[in-house]
């Protein structure tokens, strides 16, 4: 079932390694974000919906990239930046012909239509979608249906902007190679 408690992050990680998933990548731009990376991995692995809230530059998209790196090997990850595609996004069309158990990563969810909200709930309840991670700069701007809100529950990850020290570490990682 959905949202059931599973073992620790380390046990989950081992289960994924044993099942032939790609090893856990570090994810660039995520210096000092180990707890957040574990949370994202855990929520996806246990079939939850999660929303990541944070200002521009706080690492929301980097966390989605981390999820892609770690779950994308099975062709089961769909990433959508609704900020780019806006109202033209049709979740049903994106999921058509895809296997069950997809992981949906939705950047800038505050642009997502109510119609797509309903489709996500439907596909999630039918197990076509295993897990959904949404991102937004401001949770108050998001127009979730009540049924999506109830499925997210308290799975809200609030990101602060990185400290100067962390920002310097990210900069070094990117440019020192």
C-alpha atoms as a PDB file:
ATOM      1  CA  UNK A   1       0.000   0.000   0.000  1.00  0.00           C
ATOM      2  CA  UNK A   2       0.867   3.654  -0.258  1.00  0.00           C
ATOM      3  CA  UNK A   3       2.788   5.500   2.399  1.00  0.00           C
ATOM      4  CA  UNK A   4       3.546   2.485   4.545  1.00  0.00           C
ATOM      5  CA  UNK A   5       6.550   2.815   6.790  1.00  0.00           C
ATOM      6  CA  UNK A   6       9.606   1.037   5.493  1.00  0.00           C
ATOM      7  CA  UNK A   7      13.006   0.535   7.032  1.00  0.00           C
ATOM      8  CA  UNK A   8      15.724   3.082   7.585  1.00  0.00           C
ATOM      9  CA  UNK A   9      17.308   5.026   4.743  1.00  0.00           C
ATOM     10  CA  UNK A  10      20.312   2.684   4.841  1.00  0.00           C
ATOM     11  CA  UNK A  11      18.087  -0.433   4.587  1.00  0.00           C
ATOM     12  CA  UNK A  12      16.207   1.137   1.691  1.00  0.00           C
ATOM     13  CA  UNK A  13      19.435   2.039   0.003  1.00  0.00           C
ATOM     14  CA  UNK A  14      20.659  -1.543   0.331  1.00  0.00           C
ATOM     15  CA  UNK A  15      17.356  -2.895  -0.992  1.00  0.00           C
ATOM     16  CA  UNK A  16      17.705  -0.679  -4.055  1.00  0.00           C
ATOM     17  CA  UNK A  17      21.316  -1.713  -4.542  1.00  0.00           C
ATOM     18  CA  UNK A  18      20.347  -5.389  -4.335  1.00  0.00           C
ATOM     19  CA  UNK A  19      17.518  -4.885  -6.802  1.00  0.00           C
ATOM     20  CA  UNK A  20      19.886  -3.599  -9.430  1.00  0.00           C
ATOM     21  CA  UNK A  21      19.162   0.094  -9.120  1.00  0.00           C
ATOM     22  CA  UNK A  22      21.976   2.446  -9.934  1.00  0.00           C
ATOM     23  CA  UNK A  23      24.154   3.367  -6.994  1.00  0.00           C
ATOM     24  CA  UNK A  24      23.200   6.486  -5.102  1.00  0.00           C
ATOM     25  CA  UNK A  25      24.814   9.453  -6.788  1.00  0.00           C
ATOM     26  CA  UNK A  26      25.957  12.400  -4.769  1.00  0.00           C
ATOM     27  CA  UNK A  27      24.074  15.052  -6.762  1.00  0.00           C
ATOM     28  CA  UNK A  28      25.861  18.294  -7.572  1.00  0.00           C
ATOM     29  CA  UNK A  29      24.744  21.506  -5.945  1.00  0.00           C
ATOM     30  CA  UNK A  30      23.677  19.644  -2.822  1.00  0.00           C
ATOM     31  CA  UNK A  31      26.481  20.435  -0.400  1.00  0.00           C
ATOM     32  CA  UNK A  32      25.138  20.285   3.150  1.00  0.00           C
ATOM     33  CA  UNK A  33      21.852  18.740   2.007  1.00  0.00           C
ATOM     34  CA  UNK A  34      22.340  15.134   3.187  1.00  0.00           C
ATOM     35  CA  UNK A  35      19.191  15.115   5.349  1.00  0.00           C
ATOM     36  CA  UNK A  36      17.121  16.520   2.493  1.00  0.00           C
ATOM     37  CA  UNK A  37      18.547  13.972   0.033  1.00  0.00           C
ATOM     38  CA  UNK A  38      17.658  11.144   2.430  1.00  0.00           C
ATOM     39  CA  UNK A  39      14.149  12.558   2.849  1.00  0.00           C
ATOM     40  CA  UNK A  40      13.568  12.762  -0.929  1.00  0.00           C
ATOM     41  CA  UNK A  41      14.952   9.258  -1.485  1.00  0.00           C
ATOM     42  CA  UNK A  42      12.896   7.832   1.384  1.00  0.00           C
ATOM     43  CA  UNK A  43       9.630   9.502   0.292  1.00  0.00           C
ATOM     44  CA  UNK A  44      10.008   8.261  -3.280  1.00  0.00           C
ATOM     45  CA  UNK A  45      11.070   4.761  -2.245  1.00  0.00           C
ATOM     46  CA  UNK A  46       8.108   4.449   0.099  1.00  0.00           C
ATOM     47  CA  UNK A  47       5.601   5.659  -2.483  1.00  0.00           C
ATOM     48  CA  UNK A  48       4.651   9.031  -1.000  1.00  0.00           C
ATOM     49  CA  UNK A  49       3.796  12.451  -2.324  1.00  0.00           C
ATOM     50  CA  UNK A  50       6.212  15.152  -1.176  1.00  0.00           C
ATOM     51  CA  UNK A  51       6.394  18.894  -1.714  1.00  0.00           C
ATOM     52  CA  UNK A  52       9.684  20.792  -1.575  1.00  0.00           C
ATOM     53  CA  UNK A  53       9.314  24.492  -0.825  1.00  0.00           C
ATOM     54  CA  UNK A  54      12.134  27.005  -1.083  1.00  0.00           C
ATOM     55  CA  UNK A  55      13.278  30.282  -2.573  1.00  0.00           C
ATOM     56  CA  UNK A  56      14.944  30.377  -5.978  1.00  0.00           C
ATOM     57  CA  UNK A  57      18.468  29.018  -5.563  1.00  0.00           C
ATOM     58  CA  UNK A  58      17.706  26.954  -2.449  1.00  0.00           C
ATOM     59  CA  UNK A  59      18.308  23.605  -4.217  1.00  0.00           C
ATOM     60  CA  UNK A  60      14.800  22.412  -5.187  1.00  0.00           C
ATOM     61  CA  UNK A  61      15.698  21.474  -8.759  1.00  0.00           C
ATOM     62  CA  UNK A  62      19.036  20.020  -7.613  1.00  0.00           C
ATOM     63  CA  UNK A  63      17.058  17.663  -5.337  1.00  0.00           C
ATOM     64  CA  UNK A  64      14.894  16.635  -8.311  1.00  0.00           C
ATOM     65  CA  UNK A  65      18.067  16.024 -10.344  1.00  0.00           C
ATOM     66  CA  UNK A  66      19.308  13.868  -7.473  1.00  0.00           C
ATOM     67  CA  UNK A  67      16.053  11.881  -7.653  1.00  0.00           C
ATOM     68  CA  UNK A  68      16.486  11.460 -11.423  1.00  0.00           C
ATOM     69  CA  UNK A  69      20.071  10.257 -10.932  1.00  0.00           C
ATOM     70  CA  UNK A  70      18.961   7.694  -8.380  1.00  0.00           C
ATOM     71  CA  UNK A  71      15.664   6.453  -9.788  1.00  0.00           C
ATOM     72  CA  UNK A  72      16.007   7.231 -13.487  1.00  0.00           C
ATOM     73  CA  UNK A  73      17.870   4.069 -14.442  1.00  0.00           C
ATOM     74  CA  UNK A  74      14.659   2.083 -14.858  1.00  0.00           C
ATOM     75  CA  UNK A  75      12.996   4.544 -17.252  1.00  0.00           C
ATOM     76  CA  UNK A  76      10.367   5.216 -14.635  1.00  0.00           C
ATOM     77  CA  UNK A  77      10.958   8.902 -13.934  1.00  0.00           C
ATOM     78  CA  UNK A  78       9.001  11.712 -15.580  1.00  0.00           C
ATOM     79  CA  UNK A  79      10.243  15.262 -14.932  1.00  0.00           C
ATOM     80  CA  UNK A  80       8.056  18.251 -15.796  1.00  0.00           C
ATOM     81  CA  UNK A  81       8.888  21.910 -15.282  1.00  0.00           C
ATOM     82  CA  UNK A  82       5.387  23.404 -15.270  1.00  0.00           C
ATOM     83  CA  UNK A  83       6.986  26.864 -15.212  1.00  0.00           C
ATOM     84  CA  UNK A  84       8.211  26.199 -18.747  1.00  0.00           C
ATOM     85  CA  UNK A  85       5.191  24.344 -20.140  1.00  0.00           C
ATOM     86  CA  UNK A  86       2.471  26.037 -18.097  1.00  0.00           C
ATOM     87  CA  UNK A  87      -1.102  25.128 -18.961  1.00  0.00           C
ATOM     88  CA  UNK A  88      -0.062  23.048 -21.989  1.00  0.00           C
ATOM     89  CA  UNK A  89       1.026  20.160 -19.739  1.00  0.00           C
ATOM     90  CA  UNK A  90      -1.258  17.123 -19.906  1.00  0.00           C
ATOM     91  CA  UNK A  91      -0.282  14.570 -17.262  1.00  0.00           C
ATOM     92  CA  UNK A  92      -2.448  11.866 -18.860  1.00  0.00           C
ATOM     93  CA  UNK A  93      -0.645  12.212 -22.196  1.00  0.00           C
ATOM     94  CA  UNK A  94       2.765  12.151 -20.490  1.00  0.00           C
ATOM     95  CA  UNK A  95       1.940   8.901 -18.694  1.00  0.00           C
ATOM     96  CA  UNK A  96       0.314   7.184 -21.659  1.00  0.00           C
ATOM     97  CA  UNK A  97       2.140   4.039 -22.809  1.00  0.00           C
ATOM     98  CA  UNK A  98       4.415   4.146 -19.762  1.00  0.00           C
ATOM     99  CA  UNK A  99       4.778   1.294 -17.261  1.00  0.00           C
ATOM    100  CA  UNK A 100       3.025   1.310 -13.900  1.00  0.00           C
ATOM    101  CA  UNK A 101       4.932   2.657 -10.932  1.00  0.00           C
ATOM    102  CA  UNK A 102       6.151   5.892 -12.498  1.00  0.00           C
ATOM    103  CA  UNK A 103       7.857   8.544 -10.379  1.00  0.00           C
ATOM    104  CA  UNK A 104       6.586  12.011 -11.206  1.00  0.00           C
ATOM    105  CA  UNK A 105       8.799  15.040 -10.493  1.00  0.00           C
ATOM    106  CA  UNK A 106       6.976  18.336 -10.939  1.00  0.00           C
ATOM    107  CA  UNK A 107       8.966  21.561 -10.742  1.00  0.00           C
ATOM    108  CA  UNK A 108       7.093  24.860 -10.181  1.00  0.00           C
ATOM    109  CA  UNK A 109       3.836  23.128  -9.258  1.00  0.00           C
ATOM    110  CA  UNK A 110       2.105  26.460  -8.574  1.00  0.00           C
ATOM    111  CA  UNK A 111       1.513  26.618 -12.361  1.00  0.00           C
ATOM    112  CA  UNK A 112      -0.202  23.211 -12.459  1.00  0.00           C
ATOM    113  CA  UNK A 113      -3.878  23.213 -13.488  1.00  0.00           C
ATOM    114  CA  UNK A 114      -6.682  21.788 -11.325  1.00  0.00           C
ATOM    115  CA  UNK A 115      -7.411  19.341 -14.121  1.00  0.00           C
ATOM    116  CA  UNK A 116      -3.871  17.950 -13.865  1.00  0.00           C
ATOM    117  CA  UNK A 117      -4.245  17.791 -10.062  1.00  0.00           C
ATOM    118  CA  UNK A 118      -7.196  15.447 -10.572  1.00  0.00           C
ATOM    119  CA  UNK A 119      -5.296  13.344 -13.131  1.00  0.00           C
ATOM    120  CA  UNK A 120      -2.317  12.971 -10.782  1.00  0.00           C
ATOM    121  CA  UNK A 121      -4.594  11.815  -7.956  1.00  0.00           C
ATOM    122  CA  UNK A 122      -6.301   9.333 -10.293  1.00  0.00           C
ATOM    123  CA  UNK A 123      -3.042   7.849 -11.637  1.00  0.00           C
ATOM    124  CA  UNK A 124      -1.536   7.738  -8.132  1.00  0.00           C
ATOM    125  CA  UNK A 125      -4.543   5.866  -6.766  1.00  0.00           C
ATOM    126  CA  UNK A 126      -4.383   3.440  -9.718  1.00  0.00           C
ATOM    127  CA  UNK A 127      -0.651   2.791  -9.033  1.00  0.00           C
ATOM    128  CA  UNK A 128       0.362   4.169 -12.431  1.00  0.00           C
ATOM    129  CA  UNK A 129       2.261   6.731 -10.370  1.00  0.00           C
ATOM    130  CA  UNK A 130       4.271   5.326  -7.466  1.00  0.00           C
ATOM    131  CA  UNK A 131       5.417   8.642  -6.039  1.00  0.00           C
ATOM    132  CA  UNK A 132       5.215  12.375  -6.747  1.00  0.00           C
ATOM    133  CA  UNK A 133       7.648  15.104  -5.750  1.00  0.00           C
ATOM    134  CA  UNK A 134       6.440  18.669  -6.283  1.00  0.00           C
ATOM    135  CA  UNK A 135       8.473  21.866  -5.915  1.00  0.00           C
ATOM    136  CA  UNK A 136       7.349  25.451  -5.378  1.00  0.00           C
ATOM    137  CA  UNK A 137       8.790  28.734  -4.178  1.00  0.00           C
ATOM    138  CA  UNK A 138       5.722  29.367  -2.025  1.00  0.00           C
ATOM    139  CA  UNK A 139       3.293  26.716  -0.812  1.00  0.00           C
ATOM    140  CA  UNK A 140       0.572  29.354  -0.410  1.00  0.00           C
ATOM    141  CA  UNK A 141       0.619  29.905  -4.204  1.00  0.00           C
ATOM    142  CA  UNK A 142      -0.194  26.245  -4.925  1.00  0.00           C
ATOM    143  CA  UNK A 143      -3.794  25.389  -5.760  1.00  0.00           C
ATOM    144  CA  UNK A 144      -3.860  21.711  -4.742  1.00  0.00           C
ATOM    145  CA  UNK A 145      -7.155  19.860  -4.642  1.00  0.00           C
ATOM    146  CA  UNK A 146      -8.097  18.609  -1.162  1.00  0.00           C
ATOM    147  CA  UNK A 147      -7.421  15.017  -2.223  1.00  0.00           C
ATOM    148  CA  UNK A 148      -3.828  15.860  -3.223  1.00  0.00           C
ATOM    149  CA  UNK A 149      -3.363  17.874   0.002  1.00  0.00           C
ATOM    150  CA  UNK A 150      -4.475  14.881   2.040  1.00  0.00           C
ATOM    151  CA  UNK A 151      -2.055  12.579   0.178  1.00  0.00           C
ATOM    152  CA  UNK A 152       0.845  14.963   0.796  1.00  0.00           C
ATOM    153  CA  UNK A 153      -0.144  15.366   4.445  1.00  0.00           C
ATOM    154  CA  UNK A 154       2.886  16.523   6.413  1.00  0.00           C
ATOM    155  CA  UNK A 155       5.397  15.538   3.717  1.00  0.00           C
ATOM    156  CA  UNK A 156       6.614  19.105   3.249  1.00  0.00           C
ATOM    157  CA  UNK A 157      10.330  19.779   2.947  1.00  0.00           C
ATOM    158  CA  UNK A 158      11.189  23.454   3.491  1.00  0.00           C
ATOM    159  CA  UNK A 159      14.574  24.501   2.132  1.00  0.00           C
ATOM    160  CA  UNK A 160      16.513  27.518   3.323  1.00  0.00           C
ATOM    161  CA  UNK A 161      19.036  29.194   1.085  1.00  0.00           C
ATOM    162  CA  UNK A 162      22.496  27.662   1.573  1.00  0.00           C
ATOM    163  CA  UNK A 163      24.842  29.341   4.040  1.00  0.00           C
ATOM    164  CA  UNK A 164      27.843  31.242   2.659  1.00  0.00           C
ATOM    165  CA  UNK A 165      30.077  28.302   3.558  1.00  0.00           C
ATOM    166  CA  UNK A 166      27.802  25.809   1.734  1.00  0.00           C
ATOM    167  CA  UNK A 167      27.442  28.156  -1.239  1.00  0.00           C
ATOM    168  CA  UNK A 168      31.227  28.327  -1.476  1.00  0.00           C
ATOM    169  CA  UNK A 169      31.374  24.516  -1.392  1.00  0.00           C
ATOM    170  CA  UNK A 170      28.816  24.280  -4.222  1.00  0.00           C
ATOM    171  CA  UNK A 171      30.798  26.839  -6.225  1.00  0.00           C
ATOM    172  CA  UNK A 172      34.049  24.889  -5.686  1.00  0.00           C
ATOM    173  CA  UNK A 173      32.385  21.572  -6.686  1.00  0.00           C
ATOM    174  CA  UNK A 174      31.147  23.094  -9.924  1.00  0.00           C
ATOM    175  CA  UNK A 175      34.301  24.928 -10.954  1.00  0.00           C
ATOM    176  CA  UNK A 176      37.171  22.949  -9.486  1.00  0.00           C
ATOM    177  CA  UNK A 177      35.761  19.777 -11.049  1.00  0.00           C
END
